[in-house]
Amino acid sequence: MNLLEIKNLSLFKDNRPILNNLSMDIWAGHVHAVIGPNGAGKSTLANTIMGLSGYRDFEGDILLEGESIAPLSVDERARRGITLLFQEPARFEGLGVMSFILAGAKEKSRAVAEEALAKVGLAPEKYLMRAVDKTLSGGERKRIELASIYAMKPRLVLMDEPDSGVDIDSIKYIFSIIKELRKAGSTVVLITHSPEVLRRADHAFLICAGTLVDKGEMSRMFDYFNGKCVPCAHVGQPVEDAVAQTPAST
């Protein structure tokens, strides 16, 4: 069953199409990956689904279980169970870790916060009473943000480059949380440049120049990371150049 349907989505910035008639079906209870070169529109897609400022003036529609969420604010979409893990982890100076973790949780108890911290490998007795501020490393903040998503148990979580700028230990817990969320019935969309992150998905979409150019089971989509691009109508460069480039250089 489709949890989210993206229908003919187009979004322009500075008179340039960032998303271009993009259509995708996100299946409930699955882990999906969205891959593609820099500038393909991957983060823009996540921001548009979340309804962030600057990403609300689009053509097409976004349906959550058949109902359009286009008119809904970020807060209203969050109340419908949609959340976004940003590429850069959040920092709210002075906000307590426990308050941050429980902000979106249905059950707001110390036990829930402690369990969530333990799931991301942070000792509750060391972190629960700290603040989400500059005293925490980027990896610690990313893990605390993951703990808040675990406590929330969202219907749909969008993860924008979840492994960006974090250490090896943090990556291990990120992968663990993806598995835990799937087990709990959440639908996960991973925006990624990483083959290791792609391995955690059931299914993947390849987009280029804001357009869907391929989709399929995760195992079939690794050709992209081997430099085998799918021919597409990329208006920014000749097709032969696009094929010759590896994903790291696009």
C-alpha atoms as a PDB file:
ATOM      1  CA  MET A   1       0.000   0.000   0.000  1.00  0.00           C
ATOM      2  CA  ASN A   2       1.226   3.503  -0.807  1.00  0.00           C
ATOM      3  CA  LEU A   3       1.753   5.702   2.225  1.00  0.00           C
ATOM      4  CA  LEU A   4       2.886   8.699   0.169  1.00  0.00           C
ATOM      5  CA  GLU A   5       2.266   9.540  -3.471  1.00  0.00           C
ATOM      6  CA  ILE A   6       4.267  12.272  -5.199  1.00  0.00           C
ATOM      7  CA  LYS A   7       2.394  13.302  -8.314  1.00  0.00           C
ATOM      8  CA  ASN A   8       3.930  15.365 -11.128  1.00  0.00           C
ATOM      9  CA  LEU A   9       5.868  17.501  -8.661  1.00  0.00           C
ATOM     10  CA  SER A  10       7.657  20.537 -10.091  1.00  0.00           C
ATOM     11  CA  LEU A  11       9.405  23.260  -8.113  1.00  0.00           C
ATOM     12  CA  PHE A  12      11.315  26.254  -9.452  1.00  0.00           C
ATOM     13  CA  LYS A  13      13.947  28.398  -7.738  1.00  0.00           C
ATOM     14  CA  ASP A  14      15.380  31.476  -9.474  1.00  0.00           C
ATOM     15  CA  ASN A  15      13.350  30.452 -12.543  1.00  0.00           C
ATOM     16  CA  ARG A  16      15.222  27.153 -12.686  1.00  0.00           C
ATOM     17  CA  PRO A  17      13.455  23.787 -12.305  1.00  0.00           C
ATOM     18  CA  ILE A  18      14.803  21.907  -9.260  1.00  0.00           C
ATOM     19  CA  LEU A  19      12.069  19.260  -9.360  1.00  0.00           C
ATOM     20  CA  ASN A  20      10.701  18.526 -12.799  1.00  0.00           C
ATOM     21  CA  ASN A  21       7.427  16.592 -13.119  1.00  0.00           C
ATOM     22  CA  LEU A  22       8.602  14.075 -10.513  1.00  0.00           C
ATOM     23  CA  SER A  23       6.312  11.189  -9.561  1.00  0.00           C
ATOM     24  CA  MET A  24       7.086   8.519  -6.944  1.00  0.00           C
ATOM     25  CA  ASP A  25       5.153   6.048  -4.784  1.00  0.00           C
ATOM     26  CA  ILE A  26       6.440   5.456  -1.248  1.00  0.00           C
ATOM     27  CA  TRP A  27       5.236   2.111   0.092  1.00  0.00           C
ATOM     28  CA  ALA A  28       4.154   1.869   3.716  1.00  0.00           C
ATOM     29  CA  GLY A  29       6.478  -0.012   6.057  1.00  0.00           C
ATOM     30  CA  HIS A  30       9.441  -0.059   3.638  1.00  0.00           C
ATOM     31  CA  VAL A  31      12.858   1.582   3.633  1.00  0.00           C
ATOM     32  CA  HIS A  32      13.359   3.556   0.421  1.00  0.00           C
ATOM     33  CA  ALA A  33      16.508   5.302  -0.809  1.00  0.00           C
ATOM     34  CA  VAL A  34      16.697   8.328  -3.097  1.00  0.00           C
ATOM     35  CA  ILE A  35      20.025   8.526  -4.912  1.00  0.00           C
ATOM     36  CA  GLY A  36      21.455  10.756  -7.620  1.00  0.00           C
ATOM     37  CA  PRO A  37      24.194  13.324  -8.290  1.00  0.00           C
ATOM     38  CA  ASN A  38      24.676  16.589  -6.413  1.00  0.00           C
ATOM     39  CA  GLY A  39      22.050  19.087  -7.502  1.00  0.00           C
ATOM     40  CA  ALA A  40      19.618  16.365  -8.614  1.00  0.00           C
ATOM     41  CA  GLY A  41      16.924  17.667  -6.255  1.00  0.00           C
ATOM     42  CA  LYS A  42      17.143  15.017  -3.510  1.00  0.00           C
ATOM     43  CA  SER A  43      17.222  17.378  -0.511  1.00  0.00           C
ATOM     44  CA  THR A  44      14.706  19.660  -2.219  1.00  0.00           C
ATOM     45  CA  LEU A  45      12.349  16.689  -2.464  1.00  0.00           C
ATOM     46  CA  ALA A  46      12.658  16.001   1.289  1.00  0.00           C
ATOM     47  CA  ASN A  47      12.171  19.680   2.162  1.00  0.00           C
ATOM     48  CA  THR A  48       9.109  19.879  -0.093  1.00  0.00           C
ATOM     49  CA  ILE A  49       7.504  16.791   1.441  1.00  0.00           C
ATOM     50  CA  MET A  50       8.106  18.309   4.897  1.00  0.00           C
ATOM     51  CA  GLY A  51       6.645  21.643   3.746  1.00  0.00           C
ATOM     52  CA  LEU A  52       9.568  23.833   4.786  1.00  0.00           C
ATOM     53  CA  SER A  53       9.605  27.573   4.058  1.00  0.00           C
ATOM     54  CA  GLY A  54      10.738  28.215   0.478  1.00  0.00           C
ATOM     55  CA  TYR A  55       9.531  24.785  -0.677  1.00  0.00           C
ATOM     56  CA  ARG A  56       5.756  25.241  -0.628  1.00  0.00           C
ATOM     57  CA  ASP A  57       5.179  26.912  -3.980  1.00  0.00           C
ATOM     58  CA  PHE A  58       5.119  23.910  -6.272  1.00  0.00           C
ATOM     59  CA  GLU A  59       3.074  22.357  -9.058  1.00  0.00           C
ATOM     60  CA  GLY A  60       1.631  18.863  -8.708  1.00  0.00           C
ATOM     61  CA  ASP A  61       0.564  17.231  -5.458  1.00  0.00           C
ATOM     62  CA  ILE A  62       1.726  15.201  -2.450  1.00  0.00           C
ATOM     63  CA  LEU A  63      -0.766  12.703  -1.056  1.00  0.00           C
ATOM     64  CA  LEU A  64      -0.563  11.022   2.351  1.00  0.00           C
ATOM     65  CA  GLU A  65      -2.776   7.928   2.251  1.00  0.00           C
ATOM     66  CA  GLY A  66      -4.711   9.486  -0.632  1.00  0.00           C
ATOM     67  CA  GLU A  67      -5.198  12.911   0.974  1.00  0.00           C
ATOM     68  CA  SER A  68      -3.359  16.007  -0.258  1.00  0.00           C
ATOM     69  CA  ILE A  69      -0.989  17.531   2.289  1.00  0.00           C
ATOM     70  CA  ALA A  70      -0.066  20.457   0.017  1.00  0.00           C
ATOM     71  CA  PRO A  71      -2.071  23.007   2.060  1.00  0.00           C
ATOM     72  CA  LEU A  72      -0.704  21.779   5.414  1.00  0.00           C
ATOM     73  CA  SER A  73       1.956  23.616   7.433  1.00  0.00           C
ATOM     74  CA  VAL A  74       5.118  21.932   8.737  1.00  0.00           C
ATOM     75  CA  ASP A  75       3.486  21.513  12.157  1.00  0.00           C
ATOM     76  CA  GLU A  76       0.361  19.997  10.639  1.00  0.00           C
ATOM     77  CA  ARG A  77       2.447  17.558   8.601  1.00  0.00           C
ATOM     78  CA  ALA A  78       4.401  16.661  11.747  1.00  0.00           C
ATOM     79  CA  ARG A  79       1.112  15.948  13.534  1.00  0.00           C
ATOM     80  CA  ARG A  80       0.231  13.606  10.645  1.00  0.00           C
ATOM     81  CA  GLY A  81       3.408  11.665  11.473  1.00  0.00           C
ATOM     82  CA  ILE A  82       5.963  13.088   8.999  1.00  0.00           C
ATOM     83  CA  THR A  83       9.405  14.099  10.263  1.00  0.00           C
ATOM     84  CA  LEU A  84      12.754  15.076   8.748  1.00  0.00           C
ATOM     85  CA  LEU A  85      16.256  14.281   9.974  1.00  0.00           C
ATOM     86  CA  PHE A  86      18.370  17.121   8.607  1.00  0.00           C
ATOM     87  CA  GLN A  87      21.813  16.647   7.072  1.00  0.00           C
ATOM     88  CA  GLU A  88      23.177  18.990   9.757  1.00  0.00           C
ATOM     89  CA  PRO A  89      22.036  17.885  13.223  1.00  0.00           C
ATOM     90  CA  ALA A  90      19.804  20.276  15.129  1.00  0.00           C
ATOM     91  CA  ARG A  91      21.104  22.520  17.900  1.00  0.00           C
ATOM     92  CA  PHE A  92      18.756  24.344  20.228  1.00  0.00           C
ATOM     93  CA  GLU A  93      20.867  26.293  22.701  1.00  0.00           C
ATOM     94  CA  GLY A  94      19.803  25.570  26.267  1.00  0.00           C
ATOM     95  CA  LEU A  95      17.045  23.040  25.459  1.00  0.00           C
ATOM     96  CA  GLY A  96      17.422  19.980  27.661  1.00  0.00           C
ATOM     97  CA  VAL A  97      18.163  16.627  26.025  1.00  0.00           C
ATOM     98  CA  MET A  98      15.139  14.991  27.652  1.00  0.00           C
ATOM     99  CA  SER A  99      12.822  17.798  26.493  1.00  0.00           C
ATOM    100  CA  PHE A 100      14.251  17.560  22.969  1.00  0.00           C
ATOM    101  CA  ILE A 101      13.774  13.779  22.780  1.00  0.00           C
ATOM    102  CA  LEU A 102      10.227  13.875  24.145  1.00  0.00           C
ATOM    103  CA  ALA A 103       9.020  16.892  22.116  1.00  0.00           C
ATOM    104  CA  GLY A 104       7.323  14.746  19.476  1.00  0.00           C
ATOM    105  CA  ALA A 105       6.813  11.555  21.495  1.00  0.00           C
ATOM    106  CA  LYS A 106       3.292  10.377  22.280  1.00  0.00           C
ATOM    107  CA  GLU A 107       4.378   9.092  25.677  1.00  0.00           C
ATOM    108  CA  LYS A 108       6.349  11.805  27.447  1.00  0.00           C
ATOM    109  CA  SER A 109       8.117   9.911  30.200  1.00  0.00           C
ATOM    110  CA  ARG A 110      11.669   9.678  31.464  1.00  0.00           C
ATOM    111  CA  ALA A 111      11.615   5.952  30.682  1.00  0.00           C
ATOM    112  CA  VAL A 112      10.912   6.661  26.983  1.00  0.00           C
ATOM    113  CA  ALA A 113      13.799   9.164  26.831  1.00  0.00           C
ATOM    114  CA  GLU A 114      16.157   6.730  28.572  1.00  0.00           C
ATOM    115  CA  GLU A 115      15.241   3.904  26.192  1.00  0.00           C
ATOM    116  CA  ALA A 116      15.730   6.163  23.165  1.00  0.00           C
ATOM    117  CA  LEU A 117      19.180   7.282  24.348  1.00  0.00           C
ATOM    118  CA  ALA A 118      20.208   3.693  25.008  1.00  0.00           C
ATOM    119  CA  LYS A 119      19.122   2.733  21.454  1.00  0.00           C
ATOM    120  CA  VAL A 120      21.620   5.242  20.022  1.00  0.00           C
ATOM    121  CA  GLY A 121      24.425   4.203  22.347  1.00  0.00           C
ATOM    122  CA  LEU A 122      24.373   7.181  24.726  1.00  0.00           C
ATOM    123  CA  ALA A 123      24.277   6.484  28.462  1.00  0.00           C
ATOM    124  CA  PRO A 124      21.100   8.107  29.854  1.00  0.00           C
ATOM    125  CA  GLU A 125      22.781   8.964  33.163  1.00  0.00           C
ATOM    126  CA  LYS A 126      25.408  10.990  31.281  1.00  0.00           C
ATOM    127  CA  TYR A 127      23.215  12.730  28.707  1.00  0.00           C
ATOM    128  CA  LEU A 128      19.650  13.046  29.965  1.00  0.00           C
ATOM    129  CA  MET A 129      20.241  16.215  31.981  1.00  0.00           C
ATOM    130  CA  ARG A 130      22.573  17.883  29.472  1.00  0.00           C
ATOM    131  CA  ALA A 131      21.570  20.597  27.015  1.00  0.00           C
ATOM    132  CA  VAL A 132      21.488  20.286  23.219  1.00  0.00           C
ATOM    133  CA  ASP A 133      24.180  22.882  22.624  1.00  0.00           C
ATOM    134  CA  LYS A 134      27.772  23.410  21.478  1.00  0.00           C
ATOM    135  CA  THR A 135      29.130  21.223  24.291  1.00  0.00           C
ATOM    136  CA  LEU A 136      27.926  18.222  22.277  1.00  0.00           C
ATOM    137  CA  SER A 137      29.841  16.964  19.250  1.00  0.00           C
ATOM    138  CA  GLY A 138      28.186  16.697  15.852  1.00  0.00           C
ATOM    139  CA  GLY A 139      27.975  12.927  16.244  1.00  0.00           C
ATOM    140  CA  GLU A 140      26.372  13.233  19.687  1.00  0.00           C
ATOM    141  CA  ARG A 141      23.802  15.726  18.390  1.00  0.00           C
ATOM    142  CA  LYS A 142      23.009  13.479  15.431  1.00  0.00           C
ATOM    143  CA  ARG A 143      22.459  10.542  17.784  1.00  0.00           C
ATOM    144  CA  ILE A 144      20.237  12.618  20.087  1.00  0.00           C
ATOM    145  CA  GLU A 145      18.182  13.695  17.098  1.00  0.00           C
ATOM    146  CA  LEU A 146      17.877  10.026  16.091  1.00  0.00           C
ATOM    147  CA  ALA A 147      16.788   9.237  19.663  1.00  0.00           C
ATOM    148  CA  SER A 148      14.016  11.833  19.339  1.00  0.00           C
ATOM    149  CA  ILE A 149      12.822  10.218  16.090  1.00  0.00           C
ATOM    150  CA  TYR A 150      12.895   6.757  17.699  1.00  0.00           C
ATOM    151  CA  ALA A 151      10.800   8.076  20.621  1.00  0.00           C
ATOM    152  CA  MET A 152       8.375   9.708  18.173  1.00  0.00           C
ATOM    153  CA  LYS A 153       7.723   6.522  16.139  1.00  0.00           C
ATOM    154  CA  PRO A 154       6.696   8.558  13.051  1.00  0.00           C
ATOM    155  CA  ARG A 155       4.650   7.218  10.167  1.00  0.00           C
ATOM    156  CA  LEU A 156       7.199   8.617   7.705  1.00  0.00           C
ATOM    157  CA  VAL A 157      10.757   9.716   8.439  1.00  0.00           C
ATOM    158  CA  LEU A 158      12.892  11.448   5.804  1.00  0.00           C
ATOM    159  CA  MET A 159      16.640  11.146   6.493  1.00  0.00           C
ATOM    160  CA  ASP A 160      18.797  13.581   4.511  1.00  0.00           C
ATOM    161  CA  GLU A 161      22.346  12.161   4.285  1.00  0.00           C
ATOM    162  CA  PRO A 162      22.019  10.441   7.692  1.00  0.00           C
ATOM    163  CA  ASP A 163      25.709   9.436   7.738  1.00  0.00           C
ATOM    164  CA  SER A 164      27.024  12.910   6.886  1.00  0.00           C
ATOM    165  CA  GLY A 165      29.808  14.211   9.150  1.00  0.00           C
ATOM    166  CA  VAL A 166      29.531  11.525  11.818  1.00  0.00           C
ATOM    167  CA  ASP A 167      32.015   9.008  13.209  1.00  0.00           C
ATOM    168  CA  ILE A 168      31.994   5.253  12.631  1.00  0.00           C
ATOM    169  CA  ASP A 169      30.293   4.536  15.971  1.00  0.00           C
ATOM    170  CA  SER A 170      27.478   6.963  15.169  1.00  0.00           C
ATOM    171  CA  ILE A 171      26.962   5.376  11.739  1.00  0.00           C
ATOM    172  CA  LYS A 172      26.507   1.982  13.431  1.00  0.00           C
ATOM    173  CA  TYR A 173      23.695   3.377  15.581  1.00  0.00           C
ATOM    174  CA  ILE A 174      22.110   5.197  12.642  1.00  0.00           C
ATOM    175  CA  PHE A 175      21.817   1.882  10.814  1.00  0.00           C
ATOM    176  CA  SER A 176      20.433   0.248  13.945  1.00  0.00           C
ATOM    177  CA  ILE A 177      17.728   2.935  14.310  1.00  0.00           C
ATOM    178  CA  ILE A 178      16.710   2.535  10.659  1.00  0.00           C
ATOM    179  CA  LYS A 179      16.138  -1.163  11.370  1.00  0.00           C
ATOM    180  CA  GLU A 180      14.270  -0.404  14.617  1.00  0.00           C
ATOM    181  CA  LEU A 181      11.996   2.124  12.893  1.00  0.00           C
ATOM    182  CA  ARG A 182      11.145  -0.334  10.139  1.00  0.00           C
ATOM    183  CA  LYS A 183      10.403  -2.995  12.752  1.00  0.00           C
ATOM    184  CA  ALA A 184       8.065  -0.542  14.526  1.00  0.00           C
ATOM    185  CA  GLY A 185       6.147   0.038  11.271  1.00  0.00           C
ATOM    186  CA  SER A 186       7.615   3.396  10.256  1.00  0.00           C
ATOM    187  CA  THR A 187       8.301   4.145   6.597  1.00  0.00           C
ATOM    188  CA  VAL A 188      11.822   5.466   5.994  1.00  0.00           C
ATOM    189  CA  VAL A 189      13.165   7.483   3.046  1.00  0.00           C
ATOM    190  CA  LEU A 190      16.966   7.779   2.909  1.00  0.00           C
ATOM    191  CA  ILE A 191      18.435  10.638   0.857  1.00  0.00           C
ATOM    192  CA  THR A 192      21.968   9.442   0.217  1.00  0.00           C
ATOM    193  CA  HIS A 193      25.203   9.397  -1.761  1.00  0.00           C
ATOM    194  CA  SER A 194      26.441   6.334   0.132  1.00  0.00           C
ATOM    195  CA  PRO A 195      26.391   2.707  -1.068  1.00  0.00           C
ATOM    196  CA  GLU A 196      26.458   1.609   2.591  1.00  0.00           C
ATOM    197  CA  VAL A 197      23.302   3.596   3.346  1.00  0.00           C
ATOM    198  CA  LEU A 198      21.673   2.233   0.172  1.00  0.00           C
ATOM    199  CA  ARG A 199      22.275  -1.316   1.485  1.00  0.00           C
ATOM    200  CA  ARG A 200      19.805  -0.553   4.301  1.00  0.00           C
ATOM    201  CA  ALA A 201      16.984   0.114   1.816  1.00  0.00           C
ATOM    202  CA  ASP A 202      14.482  -2.285   0.250  1.00  0.00           C
ATOM    203  CA  HIS A 203      13.924  -0.145  -2.810  1.00  0.00           C
ATOM    204  CA  ALA A 204      15.562   2.876  -4.447  1.00  0.00           C
ATOM    205  CA  PHE A 205      14.773   5.779  -6.758  1.00  0.00           C
ATOM    206  CA  LEU A 206      17.418   7.386  -8.975  1.00  0.00           C
ATOM    207  CA  ILE A 207      16.745  11.022  -9.824  1.00  0.00           C
ATOM    208  CA  CYS A 208      18.678  13.395 -12.044  1.00  0.00           C
ATOM    209  CA  ALA A 209      17.881  17.035 -12.812  1.00  0.00           C
ATOM    210  CA  GLY A 210      14.753  16.739 -10.666  1.00  0.00           C
ATOM    211  CA  THR A 211      13.325  13.860 -12.702  1.00  0.00           C
ATOM    212  CA  LEU A 212      12.930  10.172 -11.897  1.00  0.00           C
ATOM    213  CA  VAL A 213      15.142   8.195 -14.287  1.00  0.00           C
ATOM    214  CA  ASP A 214      15.132   4.739 -12.668  1.00  0.00           C
ATOM    215  CA  LYS A 215      13.734   2.777  -9.740  1.00  0.00           C
ATOM    216  CA  GLY A 216      13.976  -0.759  -8.470  1.00  0.00           C
ATOM    217  CA  GLU A 217      15.143  -3.125  -5.762  1.00  0.00           C
ATOM    218  CA  MET A 218      18.121  -1.922  -3.782  1.00  0.00           C
ATOM    219  CA  SER A 219      20.406  -4.669  -5.187  1.00  0.00           C
ATOM    220  CA  ARG A 220      19.784  -3.514  -8.769  1.00  0.00           C
ATOM    221  CA  MET A 221      20.600   0.138  -8.100  1.00  0.00           C
ATOM    222  CA  PHE A 222      24.290  -0.296  -7.258  1.00  0.00           C
ATOM    223  CA  ASP A 223      25.231   0.211 -10.920  1.00  0.00           C
ATOM    224  CA  TYR A 224      24.846   3.942 -10.287  1.00  0.00           C
ATOM    225  CA  PHE A 225      27.656   3.823  -7.724  1.00  0.00           C
ATOM    226  CA  ASN A 226      29.823   1.984 -10.254  1.00  0.00           C
ATOM    227  CA  GLY A 227      29.606   4.954 -12.610  1.00  0.00           C
ATOM    228  CA  LYS A 228      26.933   3.424 -14.831  1.00  0.00           C
ATOM    229  CA  CYS A 229      24.498   6.321 -15.131  1.00  0.00           C
ATOM    230  CA  VAL A 230      21.127   5.833 -16.751  1.00  0.00           C
ATOM    231  CA  PRO A 231      20.823   7.994 -19.900  1.00  0.00           C
ATOM    232  CA  CYS A 232      18.543  10.930 -19.191  1.00  0.00           C
ATOM    233  CA  ALA A 233      17.626  14.303 -20.640  1.00  0.00           C
ATOM    234  CA  HIS A 234      20.045  16.242 -18.436  1.00  0.00           C
ATOM    235  CA  VAL A 235      19.903  19.843 -19.669  1.00  0.00           C
ATOM    236  CA  GLY A 236      23.051  20.904 -17.818  1.00  0.00           C
ATOM    237  CA  GLN A 237      25.622  18.752 -19.598  1.00  0.00           C
ATOM    238  CA  PRO A 238      25.994  16.470 -22.643  1.00  0.00           C
ATOM    239  CA  VAL A 239      24.752  12.932 -22.076  1.00  0.00           C
ATOM    240  CA  GLU A 240      28.178  11.433 -22.848  1.00  0.00           C
ATOM    241  CA  ASP A 241      29.742  13.538 -20.079  1.00  0.00           C
ATOM    242  CA  ALA A 242      27.101  12.434 -17.609  1.00  0.00           C
ATOM    243  CA  VAL A 243      27.764   8.794 -18.423  1.00  0.00           C
ATOM    244  CA  ALA A 244      31.527   9.253 -18.131  1.00  0.00           C
ATOM    245  CA  GLN A 245      31.367  10.824 -14.695  1.00  0.00           C
ATOM    246  CA  THR A 246      31.321   8.782 -11.524  1.00  0.00           C
ATOM    247  CA  PRO A 247      28.780   9.660  -8.828  1.00  0.00           C
ATOM    248  CA  ALA A 248      31.544  11.194  -6.695  1.00  0.00           C
ATOM    249  CA  SER A 249      32.332  13.757  -9.367  1.00  0.00           C
ATOM    250  CA  THR A 250      28.782  14.705 -10.346  1.00  0.00           C
END
